[in-house]
Amino acid sequence: MITRTIVLLSLVALASCQGDASDPKETNYKKFIGEQDYKLPFKTRVSEPLAVGQTIHAVGTLSEKPTRVDFNFHKGSAKDADLPLHFSIRFNEGLLGSGKLIYNTFENGNWSEEEQRISNPFKAGQEFDLRVRVLEGKFQVFANRAEVGVFTQRLPLDGIDHVSIRGDLSKLRLFHYGGRIFPNPYMAVAGLTPGKRLDISALPKGKRVNINLYRENKEYALQVSIRYNEGAVVRNAMTSNVWGKEEREGKMLLDKKQVFDITIINEEFSFQIFLNNQRFTTFAHRGSPNDIKTLEIDGDVEIQTVTINDAPGI
């Protein structure tokens, strides 16, 4: 069944290299939708209740000598509000100062005694990419795209209305949340006309993930096939319902154990494809760029977010 709307949140694109890095359009293509410089410490009210399937996503840069970064879900704006989720990333704890990521909750003025500690996956001076996916009764946590743990929800999601980030970040450039539990295969009316960008975030679960864009007559306008078993990202399309020549160039840099972000931008003469915020390739149109009607995602994959937005700079 074709879904009539595509869920809102956005993530983007990693891999090979073409394009002028100094071109403002190219720079915007590589960014997540909604990227900007956020004031630190950061605290925001969430406009909708958190729900199963949503991902809360923050991206920034750690300072050169960090000691601590805290990430919290709040019930209310008061300083002593309950915290159904508290992640404290400590850089000065653990064996030889290797650091710890600590999960805890705060309720009725008291910290839980059930403090959970895992190794700190983040490095001083490097990117800080934290994603918390809400599951049924659990939080699934990804650090720099790799899953680092699944933590039991100790308090209900009801009433969570603020998220905060504070500590030793030199920059925070993304805060976003959205998504849902997607069926597989997933189909949606796309309307990916020239000037639009498609952003998908997903977790591979096997050998292959296919992203298909169809014309009105159900012909493939583009297939991006991520083949972990072949070490390739293969592109192809149909003309008169006959497959053309596969394009397989480009080094496979996606990790089968990590979340990936892919961005496909429809321009007048070609699709621009980005993986994990890096240019990967250009795929020339083999038909009308205005006839991109339907999106399908299938294969060994757990979809987290899908969005279509205007592409800045076009």
Protein backbone atom coordinates (compact mmCIF):
# COMPACT_ATOMS: atom_id res chain seq x y z
CA MET A 1 0.00 0.00 0.00
CA ILE A 2 1.44 3.38 -1.00
CA THR A 3 1.82 5.81 1.87
CA ARG A 4 0.66 9.29 0.96
CA THR A 5 3.10 11.23 3.05
CA ILE A 6 6.76 10.85 3.80
CA VAL A 7 7.80 11.21 7.41
CA LEU A 8 9.62 14.35 8.53
CA LEU A 9 13.15 14.39 9.87
CA SER A 10 16.14 14.32 7.73
CA LEU A 11 19.47 12.93 7.45
CA VAL A 12 21.92 12.74 4.67
CA ALA A 13 24.87 11.33 2.83
CA LEU A 14 29.37 9.27 2.45
CA ALA A 15 31.89 8.26 -0.15
CA SER A 16 33.81 9.08 -3.34
CA CYS A 17 34.52 12.50 -4.70
CA GLN A 18 33.49 14.81 -7.47
CA GLY A 19 32.17 18.32 -7.34
CA ASP A 20 33.73 21.59 -6.26
CA ALA A 21 34.12 21.62 -2.47
CA SER A 22 34.15 25.44 -2.52
CA ASP A 23 30.79 25.62 -4.33
CA PRO A 24 28.10 26.87 -1.87
CA LYS A 25 25.56 24.54 -3.49
CA GLU A 26 27.88 21.56 -3.01
CA THR A 27 28.44 22.58 0.62
CA ASN A 28 24.69 22.71 1.25
CA TYR A 29 24.14 19.35 -0.42
CA LYS A 30 26.48 17.73 2.12
CA LYS A 31 24.64 19.12 5.12
CA PHE A 32 21.79 17.59 7.04
CA ILE A 33 18.48 19.37 6.58
CA GLY A 34 18.19 21.88 9.43
CA GLU A 35 21.92 22.21 10.05
CA GLN A 36 22.88 25.43 11.80
CA ASP A 37 24.99 26.69 14.69
CA TYR A 38 23.09 26.10 17.93
CA LYS A 39 23.82 27.99 21.11
CA LEU A 40 25.38 25.93 23.90
CA PRO A 41 24.28 24.83 26.44
CA PHE A 42 21.27 23.72 24.40
CA LYS A 43 17.72 23.11 25.59
CA THR A 44 14.60 22.94 23.46
CA ARG A 45 10.95 22.11 23.82
CA VAL A 46 9.80 19.20 21.65
CA SER A 47 6.70 20.12 19.69
CA GLU A 48 5.17 16.61 19.66
CA PRO A 49 5.20 13.77 22.18
CA LEU A 50 8.02 11.28 21.68
CA ALA A 51 6.72 8.05 20.14
CA VAL A 52 7.96 4.58 19.28
CA GLY A 53 10.04 4.67 16.09
CA GLN A 54 11.27 8.22 16.46
CA THR A 55 14.98 9.04 16.43
CA ILE A 56 16.44 11.98 18.32
CA HIS A 57 19.61 13.02 16.51
CA ALA A 58 22.33 15.45 17.60
CA VAL A 59 25.57 16.24 15.76
CA GLY A 60 28.42 18.46 16.89
CA THR A 61 32.15 18.59 17.57
CA LEU A 62 33.82 17.73 20.85
CA SER A 63 36.29 20.18 22.37
CA GLU A 64 39.97 19.28 22.37
CA LYS A 65 40.04 18.51 26.11
CA PRO A 66 36.52 17.42 27.06
CA THR A 67 35.59 16.11 30.49
CA ARG A 68 31.83 15.65 30.16
CA VAL A 69 28.79 15.95 27.88
CA ASP A 70 25.24 15.41 29.19
CA PHE A 71 22.21 14.55 27.04
CA ASN A 72 18.79 14.59 28.76
CA PHE A 73 15.08 14.07 28.22
CA HIS A 74 13.07 16.28 30.59
CA LYS A 75 9.52 16.21 31.92
CA GLY A 76 9.00 19.93 32.37
CA SER A 77 11.31 22.94 32.26
CA ALA A 78 12.16 23.17 35.96
CA LYS A 79 15.74 22.58 37.09
CA ASP A 80 14.63 19.61 39.20
CA ALA A 81 12.34 18.10 36.53
CA ASP A 82 12.27 14.33 36.14
CA LEU A 83 14.74 12.97 33.58
CA PRO A 84 13.45 9.76 31.95
CA LEU A 85 16.76 9.59 30.08
CA HIS A 86 20.14 10.93 31.19
CA PHE A 87 23.27 10.10 29.24
CA SER A 88 26.49 11.41 30.74
CA ILE A 89 29.57 10.98 28.57
CA ARG A 90 32.59 11.13 30.88
CA PHE A 91 36.09 11.44 29.46
CA ASN A 92 38.00 11.31 32.75
CA GLU A 93 36.66 8.00 34.09
CA GLY A 94 37.49 4.40 33.37
CA LEU A 95 40.76 2.60 32.79
CA LEU A 96 43.54 5.10 32.00
CA GLY A 97 40.93 7.80 31.52
CA SER A 98 39.34 6.03 28.54
CA GLY A 99 35.95 7.32 29.62
CA LYS A 100 32.45 5.99 30.17
CA LEU A 101 28.96 6.55 28.77
CA ILE A 102 26.56 6.45 31.72
CA TYR A 103 22.79 5.89 31.55
CA ASN A 104 20.57 6.89 34.44
CA THR A 105 17.21 8.42 35.35
CA PHE A 106 16.16 11.17 37.78
CA GLU A 107 12.73 11.01 39.43
CA ASN A 108 11.15 12.95 42.29
CA GLY A 109 14.43 14.62 43.16
CA ASN A 110 16.48 11.42 43.30
CA TRP A 111 18.89 9.64 40.96
CA SER A 112 18.24 5.98 40.35
CA GLU A 113 20.70 3.55 41.91
CA GLU A 114 20.63 1.55 38.64
CA GLU A 115 23.44 3.44 36.91
CA GLN A 116 24.57 1.63 33.75
CA ARG A 117 28.06 2.20 32.35
CA ILE A 118 29.57 1.29 29.00
CA SER A 119 32.80 2.31 27.28
CA ASN A 120 32.88 5.85 25.91
CA PRO A 121 32.74 5.62 22.09
CA PHE A 122 33.60 9.30 21.49
CA LYS A 123 37.03 10.91 21.00
CA ALA A 124 38.28 14.34 22.00
CA GLY A 125 38.25 16.92 19.20
CA GLN A 126 36.25 14.67 16.86
CA GLU A 127 32.66 14.48 15.64
CA PHE A 128 29.89 13.85 18.13
CA ASP A 129 26.99 12.05 16.41
CA LEU A 130 24.47 10.71 18.92
CA ARG A 131 21.19 9.06 17.88
CA VAL A 132 18.61 7.77 20.34
CA ARG A 133 15.86 5.67 18.78
CA VAL A 134 12.71 5.10 20.79
CA LEU A 135 11.59 1.47 20.73
CA GLU A 136 8.87 -0.33 22.65
CA GLY A 137 10.10 -0.07 26.24
CA LYS A 138 13.71 0.60 25.21
CA PHE A 139 16.13 3.23 23.91
CA GLN A 140 18.44 2.10 21.10
CA VAL A 141 21.60 4.23 21.07
CA PHE A 142 24.03 4.91 18.23
CA ALA A 143 27.32 6.75 18.63
CA ASN A 144 28.99 7.93 15.42
CA ARG A 145 26.61 5.59 13.52
CA ALA A 146 27.50 2.40 15.44
CA GLU A 147 25.04 0.86 17.89
CA VAL A 148 26.51 1.02 21.40
CA GLY A 149 23.63 -0.23 23.50
CA VAL A 150 19.94 -0.81 24.14
CA PHE A 151 18.68 0.55 27.45
CA THR A 152 15.41 -0.22 29.23
CA GLN A 153 13.00 2.70 29.64
CA ARG A 154 12.46 3.07 33.38
CA LEU A 155 9.93 5.91 33.21
CA PRO A 156 7.00 6.42 30.81
CA LEU A 157 7.52 8.53 27.68
CA ASP A 158 4.39 10.52 28.51
CA GLY A 159 5.24 14.06 29.55
CA ILE A 160 8.69 14.32 27.97
CA ASP A 161 8.66 17.85 26.58
CA HIS A 162 12.26 19.09 26.57
CA VAL A 163 15.66 17.82 25.42
CA SER A 164 18.93 19.32 26.57
CA ILE A 165 22.61 19.00 25.66
CA ARG A 166 25.36 20.60 27.70
CA GLY A 167 29.06 20.15 28.33
CA ASP A 168 32.29 20.16 26.37
CA LEU A 169 31.15 20.57 22.78
CA SER A 170 32.87 23.25 20.72
CA LYS A 171 29.93 23.22 18.30
CA LEU A 172 26.43 21.80 17.97
CA ARG A 173 25.22 21.90 14.37
CA LEU A 174 22.21 19.57 14.29
CA PHE A 175 19.29 18.72 16.52
CA HIS A 176 16.45 16.84 14.90
CA TYR A 177 13.84 14.25 15.78
CA GLY A 178 11.27 12.26 13.86
CA GLY A 179 10.69 8.97 12.08
CA ARG A 180 8.52 5.98 12.90
CA ILE A 181 8.39 2.21 12.51
CA PHE A 182 8.45 1.64 8.75
CA PRO A 183 7.15 -1.42 6.91
CA ASN A 184 9.52 -3.38 4.69
CA PRO A 185 9.20 -2.99 1.78
CA TYR A 186 8.24 0.65 2.19
CA MET A 187 6.50 2.55 -0.61
CA ALA A 188 5.42 6.19 -0.74
CA VAL A 189 4.34 8.80 -3.23
CA ALA A 190 7.53 10.77 -3.75
CA GLY A 191 7.13 13.61 -6.24
CA LEU A 192 10.90 14.01 -6.39
CA THR A 193 10.88 16.79 -8.99
CA PRO A 194 14.00 18.78 -9.94
CA GLY A 195 15.05 20.89 -6.98
CA LYS A 196 14.00 18.29 -4.41
CA ARG A 197 16.16 16.07 -2.21
CA LEU A 198 15.40 12.68 -0.72
CA ASP A 199 17.07 11.82 2.60
CA ILE A 200 17.03 8.34 4.14
CA SER A 201 18.60 7.05 7.33
CA ALA A 202 18.61 3.29 7.89
CA LEU A 203 20.36 0.40 9.59
CA PRO A 204 21.46 -2.48 7.33
CA LYS A 205 20.51 -5.96 8.50
CA GLY A 206 22.02 -8.15 5.81
CA LYS A 207 23.53 -8.27 2.35
CA ARG A 208 21.56 -5.73 0.32
CA VAL A 209 19.46 -2.54 0.52
CA ASN A 210 17.61 -1.21 -2.54
CA ILE A 211 16.35 2.34 -2.98
CA ASN A 212 14.06 2.53 -6.02
CA LEU A 213 12.56 5.59 -7.70
CA TYR A 214 9.78 4.82 -10.19
CA ARG A 215 8.17 6.71 -13.04
CA GLU A 216 4.42 6.95 -13.43
CA ASN A 217 4.45 3.82 -15.62
CA LYS A 218 6.33 1.91 -12.84
CA GLU A 219 9.60 1.97 -14.79
CA TYR A 220 12.76 2.41 -12.70
CA ALA A 221 14.03 6.00 -12.99
CA LEU A 222 16.84 5.09 -10.58
CA GLN A 223 17.86 2.16 -8.44
CA VAL A 224 20.60 2.57 -5.86
CA SER A 225 21.50 -0.92 -4.67
CA ILE A 226 23.79 -1.05 -1.63
CA ARG A 227 25.41 -4.48 -1.82
CA TYR A 228 27.42 -5.22 1.28
CA ASN A 229 28.20 -8.74 0.08
CA GLU A 230 29.75 -7.34 -3.11
CA GLY A 231 31.39 -4.27 -1.58
CA ALA A 232 29.62 -1.99 -4.06
CA VAL A 233 26.89 0.64 -4.40
CA VAL A 234 25.34 -0.13 -7.79
CA ARG A 235 23.27 2.39 -9.81
CA ASN A 236 21.01 1.62 -12.74
CA ALA A 237 17.78 2.68 -14.48
CA MET A 238 15.41 1.51 -17.20
CA THR A 239 14.66 2.88 -20.66
CA SER A 240 11.55 1.49 -22.36
CA ASN A 241 11.33 -0.98 -19.46
CA VAL A 242 14.78 -2.43 -20.24
CA TRP A 243 17.62 -2.18 -17.74
CA GLY A 244 20.58 -0.12 -18.87
CA LYS A 245 24.23 -0.48 -17.99
CA GLU A 246 25.08 -0.75 -14.31
CA GLU A 247 27.35 1.89 -12.81
CA ARG A 248 29.54 0.44 -10.05
CA GLU A 249 32.37 2.95 -9.74
CA GLY A 250 33.21 4.34 -6.32
CA LYS A 251 34.81 2.82 -3.25
CA MET A 252 32.45 1.07 -0.83
CA LEU A 253 32.87 2.94 2.45
CA LEU A 254 29.60 2.02 4.17
CA ASP A 255 29.89 -0.31 7.15
CA LYS A 256 27.36 -3.13 7.32
CA LYS A 257 27.16 -2.69 11.11
CA GLN A 258 26.44 1.05 11.05
CA VAL A 259 23.54 3.38 10.30
CA PHE A 260 23.91 5.02 6.89
CA ASP A 261 22.54 8.30 5.56
CA ILE A 262 21.87 8.68 1.85
CA THR A 263 20.84 11.81 0.00
CA ILE A 264 19.56 11.80 -3.58
CA ILE A 265 19.09 15.21 -5.19
CA ASN A 266 17.20 15.57 -8.46
CA GLU A 267 18.77 18.14 -10.77
CA GLU A 268 17.75 18.92 -14.35
CA PHE A 269 20.26 16.60 -15.98
CA SER A 270 21.22 14.14 -13.26
CA PHE A 271 20.80 12.74 -9.76
CA GLN A 272 23.44 13.84 -7.25
CA ILE A 273 24.09 11.07 -4.71
CA PHE A 274 25.69 11.57 -1.30
CA LEU A 275 26.52 8.99 1.37
CA ASN A 276 27.10 9.95 5.01
CA ASN A 277 27.43 13.66 4.14
CA GLN A 278 30.05 13.09 1.43
CA ARG A 279 29.65 13.21 -2.35
CA PHE A 280 29.53 9.74 -3.85
CA THR A 281 28.54 10.07 -7.50
CA THR A 282 26.39 11.63 -10.23
CA PHE A 283 23.91 9.55 -12.21
CA ALA A 284 22.71 11.02 -15.53
CA HIS A 285 18.97 10.88 -16.15
CA ARG A 286 17.83 8.24 -18.64
CA GLY A 287 14.38 9.79 -18.99
CA SER A 288 12.42 12.85 -17.90
CA PRO A 289 13.61 14.34 -14.57
CA ASN A 290 10.02 15.44 -13.93
CA ASP A 291 8.61 11.92 -13.94
CA ILE A 292 9.73 10.63 -10.52
CA LYS A 293 6.54 9.55 -8.81
CA THR A 294 7.12 6.74 -6.30
CA LEU A 295 9.75 5.70 -3.76
CA GLU A 296 10.37 2.13 -2.64
CA ILE A 297 12.90 0.89 -0.08
CA ASP A 298 13.42 -2.83 0.36
CA GLY A 299 16.00 -5.44 1.25
CA ASP A 300 17.77 -6.29 4.49
CA VAL A 301 17.17 -3.00 6.24
CA GLU A 302 15.56 -1.26 9.19
CA ILE A 303 14.46 2.20 8.03
CA GLN A 304 14.70 4.98 10.59
CA THR A 305 13.79 8.20 8.79
CA VAL A 306 12.70 9.27 5.30
CA THR A 307 12.13 12.86 4.15
CA ILE A 308 11.76 14.91 0.97
CA ASN A 309 12.64 18.59 1.10
CA ASP A 310 13.70 21.43 -1.14
CA ALA A 311 17.39 21.20 -2.01
CA PRO A 312 19.13 24.42 -0.93
CA GLY A 313 21.03 26.14 -3.70
CA ILE A 314 19.00 24.90 -6.68
